[in-house]
């Protein structure tokens, strides 16, 4: 039996852990239905983020939604976060089962 999937967009946000509560409040206010948060470590333009102390903690927020919503969220992040926080965003097209959840 073939599996029925639908295409959605996965928006991934990697940012400083210190912004988590503010970011989640904004995502909720902007109508995000769900997300997954994990701790993230790595190195980049802002140096090593190894989570050895709170100021060096990064988080990875993943949101599956419609493409238009993902683009609106990125625009909001660009306007309200990019200038003041280390933040990277990227998009992937994904196939989901149970599309009504997204």
N, C-alpha and C. Protein backbone atom coordinates (compact mmCIF):
# COMPACT_ATOMS: atom_id res chain seq x y z
N UNK A 1 0.83 -1.17 0.00
CA UNK A 1 0.00 0.00 0.00
C UNK A 1 0.89 1.25 0.00
N UNK A 2 0.68 2.17 -0.94
CA UNK A 2 1.52 3.37 -0.99
C UNK A 2 1.25 4.30 0.20
N UNK A 3 2.29 4.98 0.61
CA UNK A 3 2.19 5.94 1.71
C UNK A 3 1.87 7.31 1.13
N UNK A 4 0.85 7.96 1.66
CA UNK A 4 0.48 9.30 1.21
C UNK A 4 1.22 10.33 2.06
N UNK A 5 1.96 11.20 1.40
CA UNK A 5 2.65 12.29 2.09
C UNK A 5 2.28 13.61 1.44
N UNK A 6 2.51 14.67 2.16
CA UNK A 6 2.35 16.02 1.63
C UNK A 6 3.60 16.82 1.96
N UNK A 7 3.88 17.80 1.12
CA UNK A 7 5.07 18.62 1.31
C UNK A 7 4.79 19.77 2.27
N UNK A 8 5.70 19.95 3.20
CA UNK A 8 5.71 21.10 4.10
C UNK A 8 7.13 21.62 4.14
N UNK A 9 7.34 22.71 4.86
CA UNK A 9 8.67 23.30 4.98
C UNK A 9 9.17 23.15 6.40
N UNK A 10 10.40 22.71 6.54
CA UNK A 10 11.06 22.64 7.84
C UNK A 10 11.91 23.89 7.99
N UNK A 11 11.54 24.74 8.95
CA UNK A 11 12.33 25.92 9.29
C UNK A 11 13.19 25.56 10.49
N UNK A 12 14.50 25.71 10.35
CA UNK A 12 15.42 25.45 11.45
C UNK A 12 16.05 26.77 11.87
N UNK A 13 16.04 27.02 13.17
CA UNK A 13 16.63 28.23 13.75
C UNK A 13 17.69 27.76 14.74
N UNK A 14 18.92 28.21 14.56
CA UNK A 14 19.97 27.95 15.53
C UNK A 14 20.35 29.30 16.12
N UNK A 15 20.24 29.41 17.44
CA UNK A 15 20.46 30.71 18.08
C UNK A 15 20.96 30.53 19.50
N UNK A 16 21.24 31.65 20.13
CA UNK A 16 21.72 31.66 21.50
C UNK A 16 20.63 31.17 22.46
N UNK A 17 21.01 30.35 23.42
CA UNK A 17 20.06 29.84 24.38
C UNK A 17 19.40 30.92 25.22
N UNK A 18 20.09 32.04 25.42
CA UNK A 18 19.57 33.12 26.23
C UNK A 18 18.27 33.71 25.66
N UNK A 19 18.03 33.53 24.38
CA UNK A 19 16.86 34.11 23.73
C UNK A 19 15.67 33.15 23.70
N UNK A 20 15.82 31.96 24.25
CA UNK A 20 14.79 30.92 24.12
C UNK A 20 13.41 31.37 24.57
N UNK A 21 13.26 31.89 25.77
CA UNK A 21 11.93 32.24 26.27
C UNK A 21 11.28 33.34 25.43
N UNK A 22 12.03 34.35 25.06
CA UNK A 22 11.51 35.43 24.23
C UNK A 22 11.10 34.90 22.86
N UNK A 23 11.95 34.08 22.26
CA UNK A 23 11.67 33.52 20.94
C UNK A 23 10.41 32.64 20.97
N UNK A 24 10.29 31.79 21.97
CA UNK A 24 9.13 30.91 22.05
C UNK A 24 7.84 31.69 22.26
N UNK A 25 7.89 32.75 23.03
CA UNK A 25 6.71 33.60 23.20
C UNK A 25 6.31 34.23 21.87
N UNK A 26 7.30 34.69 21.10
CA UNK A 26 7.02 35.27 19.79
C UNK A 26 6.45 34.22 18.83
N UNK A 27 7.04 33.03 18.81
CA UNK A 27 6.54 31.97 17.92
C UNK A 27 5.10 31.63 18.26
N UNK A 28 4.80 31.55 19.54
CA UNK A 28 3.44 31.26 19.97
C UNK A 28 2.49 32.37 19.51
N UNK A 29 2.89 33.61 19.70
CA UNK A 29 2.07 34.76 19.30
C UNK A 29 1.87 34.80 17.79
N UNK A 30 2.86 34.30 17.04
CA UNK A 30 2.79 34.30 15.58
C UNK A 30 2.06 33.08 15.01
N UNK A 31 1.51 32.24 15.87
CA UNK A 31 0.66 31.15 15.41
C UNK A 31 1.36 29.84 15.10
N UNK A 32 2.58 29.67 15.56
CA UNK A 32 3.28 28.40 15.34
C UNK A 32 2.56 27.32 16.16
N UNK A 33 2.21 26.23 15.50
CA UNK A 33 1.42 25.16 16.14
C UNK A 33 2.27 24.19 16.95
N UNK A 34 3.56 24.09 16.64
CA UNK A 34 4.43 23.18 17.36
C UNK A 34 5.87 23.38 16.93
N UNK A 35 6.78 22.91 17.76
CA UNK A 35 8.21 23.03 17.47
C UNK A 35 8.96 22.00 18.30
N UNK A 36 10.19 21.76 17.93
CA UNK A 36 11.09 20.91 18.69
C UNK A 36 12.33 21.73 19.00
N UNK A 37 12.79 21.65 20.25
CA UNK A 37 14.00 22.37 20.66
C UNK A 37 15.02 21.35 21.15
N UNK A 38 16.25 21.52 20.67
CA UNK A 38 17.37 20.71 21.16
C UNK A 38 18.54 21.63 21.45
N UNK A 39 19.43 21.17 22.31
CA UNK A 39 20.66 21.91 22.55
C UNK A 39 21.57 21.75 21.34
N UNK A 40 22.34 22.77 21.04
CA UNK A 40 23.23 22.73 19.88
C UNK A 40 24.62 23.21 20.28
N UNK A 41 25.62 22.58 19.70
CA UNK A 41 27.01 23.00 19.92
C UNK A 41 27.68 23.12 18.57
N UNK A 42 28.70 23.97 18.49
CA UNK A 42 29.43 24.11 17.24
C UNK A 42 30.29 25.35 17.24
N UNK A 43 30.81 25.66 16.07
CA UNK A 43 31.67 26.82 15.92
C UNK A 43 31.28 27.54 14.64
N UNK A 44 31.38 28.86 14.67
CA UNK A 44 31.02 29.66 13.50
C UNK A 44 31.50 31.08 13.66
N UNK A 45 30.79 32.00 13.04
CA UNK A 45 31.18 33.41 13.04
C UNK A 45 31.30 34.00 14.44
N UNK A 46 30.55 33.49 15.38
CA UNK A 46 30.59 34.00 16.75
C UNK A 46 31.47 33.15 17.65
N UNK A 47 32.30 32.31 17.06
CA UNK A 47 33.24 31.50 17.83
C UNK A 47 32.66 30.18 18.26
N UNK A 48 33.36 29.54 19.16
CA UNK A 48 32.97 28.22 19.66
C UNK A 48 31.80 28.34 20.61
N UNK A 49 30.78 27.54 20.39
CA UNK A 49 29.63 27.43 21.29
C UNK A 49 29.63 26.00 21.82
N UNK A 50 30.25 25.81 22.99
CA UNK A 50 30.41 24.45 23.49
C UNK A 50 29.53 24.14 24.70
N UNK A 51 28.71 25.09 25.12
CA UNK A 51 27.75 24.90 26.22
C UNK A 51 28.43 24.63 27.56
N UNK A 52 29.70 25.02 27.71
CA UNK A 52 30.37 24.85 29.00
C UNK A 52 29.87 25.82 30.06
N UNK A 53 29.21 26.88 29.63
CA UNK A 53 28.57 27.81 30.57
C UNK A 53 27.38 28.42 29.86
N UNK A 54 26.42 28.95 30.62
CA UNK A 54 25.14 29.39 30.06
C UNK A 54 25.27 30.36 28.89
N UNK A 55 26.23 31.28 28.96
CA UNK A 55 26.37 32.26 27.89
C UNK A 55 26.85 31.63 26.58
N UNK A 56 27.36 30.41 26.63
CA UNK A 56 27.87 29.74 25.44
C UNK A 56 26.92 28.67 24.94
N UNK A 57 25.67 28.70 25.38
CA UNK A 57 24.69 27.69 24.99
C UNK A 57 23.94 28.12 23.74
N UNK A 58 23.78 27.22 22.81
CA UNK A 58 22.94 27.43 21.63
C UNK A 58 21.77 26.45 21.67
N UNK A 59 20.70 26.84 21.01
CA UNK A 59 19.56 25.94 20.83
C UNK A 59 19.25 25.82 19.35
N UNK A 60 18.60 24.74 19.01
CA UNK A 60 18.14 24.50 17.64
C UNK A 60 16.62 24.31 17.74
N UNK A 61 15.89 25.19 17.05
CA UNK A 61 14.43 25.14 17.05
C UNK A 61 14.00 24.69 15.66
N UNK A 62 13.18 23.65 15.59
CA UNK A 62 12.69 23.13 14.31
C UNK A 62 11.17 23.26 14.27
N UNK A 63 10.69 23.84 13.17
CA UNK A 63 9.27 24.07 12.98
C UNK A 63 8.88 23.53 11.61
N UNK A 64 7.86 22.70 11.55
CA UNK A 64 7.33 22.23 10.27
C UNK A 64 6.02 22.99 10.04
N UNK A 65 5.93 23.64 8.88
CA UNK A 65 4.76 24.47 8.59
C UNK A 65 4.65 24.67 7.07
N UNK A 66 3.66 25.44 6.67
CA UNK A 66 3.53 25.81 5.26
C UNK A 66 4.65 26.77 4.88
N UNK A 67 5.05 26.74 3.61
CA UNK A 67 6.15 27.59 3.13
C UNK A 67 5.91 29.07 3.43
N UNK A 68 4.70 29.55 3.19
CA UNK A 68 4.40 30.97 3.42
C UNK A 68 4.60 31.34 4.88
N UNK A 69 4.18 30.47 5.80
CA UNK A 69 4.38 30.76 7.21
C UNK A 69 5.87 30.78 7.55
N UNK A 70 6.63 29.84 7.02
CA UNK A 70 8.07 29.80 7.27
C UNK A 70 8.74 31.08 6.79
N UNK A 71 8.36 31.56 5.61
CA UNK A 71 8.93 32.80 5.09
C UNK A 71 8.54 33.99 5.95
N UNK A 72 7.30 34.03 6.42
CA UNK A 72 6.87 35.11 7.32
C UNK A 72 7.65 35.08 8.63
N UNK A 73 7.88 33.89 9.16
CA UNK A 73 8.65 33.77 10.39
C UNK A 73 10.08 34.25 10.20
N UNK A 74 10.70 33.89 9.08
CA UNK A 74 12.06 34.34 8.82
C UNK A 74 12.11 35.87 8.72
N UNK A 75 11.15 36.45 8.07
CA UNK A 75 11.10 37.91 7.97
C UNK A 75 10.98 38.55 9.35
N UNK A 76 10.14 37.98 10.20
CA UNK A 76 10.01 38.48 11.57
C UNK A 76 11.34 38.36 12.31
N UNK A 77 12.00 37.21 12.21
CA UNK A 77 13.29 37.01 12.87
C UNK A 77 14.33 37.99 12.36
N UNK A 78 14.32 38.21 11.05
CA UNK A 78 15.27 39.17 10.46
C UNK A 78 15.06 40.56 11.04
N UNK A 79 13.82 40.96 11.17
CA UNK A 79 13.51 42.29 11.68
C UNK A 79 13.75 42.44 13.19
N UNK A 80 13.54 41.39 13.97
CA UNK A 80 13.56 41.52 15.43
C UNK A 80 14.73 40.85 16.15
N UNK A 81 15.46 39.97 15.48
CA UNK A 81 16.50 39.22 16.16
C UNK A 81 17.89 39.29 15.52
N UNK A 82 17.95 39.28 14.20
CA UNK A 82 19.23 39.12 13.53
C UNK A 82 20.28 40.14 13.97
N UNK A 83 19.90 41.38 14.19
CA UNK A 83 20.87 42.43 14.52
C UNK A 83 21.45 42.27 15.93
N UNK A 84 20.72 41.59 16.82
CA UNK A 84 21.13 41.56 18.22
C UNK A 84 21.56 40.19 18.75
N UNK A 85 21.31 39.14 17.99
CA UNK A 85 21.62 37.78 18.47
C UNK A 85 22.31 36.98 17.37
N UNK A 86 23.17 36.07 17.80
CA UNK A 86 23.73 35.11 16.85
C UNK A 86 22.59 34.18 16.46
N UNK A 87 22.22 34.19 15.18
CA UNK A 87 21.08 33.39 14.72
C UNK A 87 21.28 33.00 13.28
N UNK A 88 21.04 31.73 13.00
CA UNK A 88 21.09 31.21 11.64
C UNK A 88 19.75 30.53 11.39
N UNK A 89 19.19 30.75 10.20
CA UNK A 89 17.95 30.08 9.82
C UNK A 89 18.14 29.41 8.48
N UNK A 90 17.46 28.30 8.28
CA UNK A 90 17.48 27.67 6.97
C UNK A 90 16.22 26.85 6.78
N UNK A 91 15.90 26.58 5.52
CA UNK A 91 14.68 25.89 5.14
C UNK A 91 14.99 24.61 4.38
N UNK A 92 14.15 23.62 4.58
CA UNK A 92 14.16 22.37 3.81
C UNK A 92 12.73 22.02 3.46
N UNK A 93 12.53 21.50 2.28
CA UNK A 93 11.23 20.94 1.95
C UNK A 93 11.22 19.51 2.47
N UNK A 94 10.15 19.14 3.17
CA UNK A 94 10.04 17.81 3.75
C UNK A 94 8.69 17.21 3.38
N UNK A 95 8.64 15.88 3.38
CA UNK A 95 7.39 15.17 3.16
C UNK A 95 6.90 14.67 4.50
N UNK A 96 5.64 14.95 4.81
CA UNK A 96 5.10 14.58 6.11
C UNK A 96 3.90 13.64 5.96
N UNK A 97 3.76 12.78 6.94
CA UNK A 97 2.55 12.00 7.12
C UNK A 97 1.67 12.82 8.07
N UNK A 98 0.40 12.62 8.05
CA UNK A 98 -0.54 13.35 8.90
C UNK A 98 -0.37 14.88 8.76
N UNK A 99 -0.52 15.39 7.55
CA UNK A 99 -0.30 16.81 7.29
C UNK A 99 -1.19 17.75 8.10
N UNK A 100 -2.30 17.25 8.60
CA UNK A 100 -3.21 18.10 9.40
C UNK A 100 -2.55 18.57 10.70
N UNK A 101 -1.48 17.91 11.11
CA UNK A 101 -0.78 18.30 12.33
C UNK A 101 0.10 19.53 12.12
N UNK A 102 0.32 19.90 10.85
CA UNK A 102 1.21 21.01 10.55
C UNK A 102 0.48 22.13 9.88
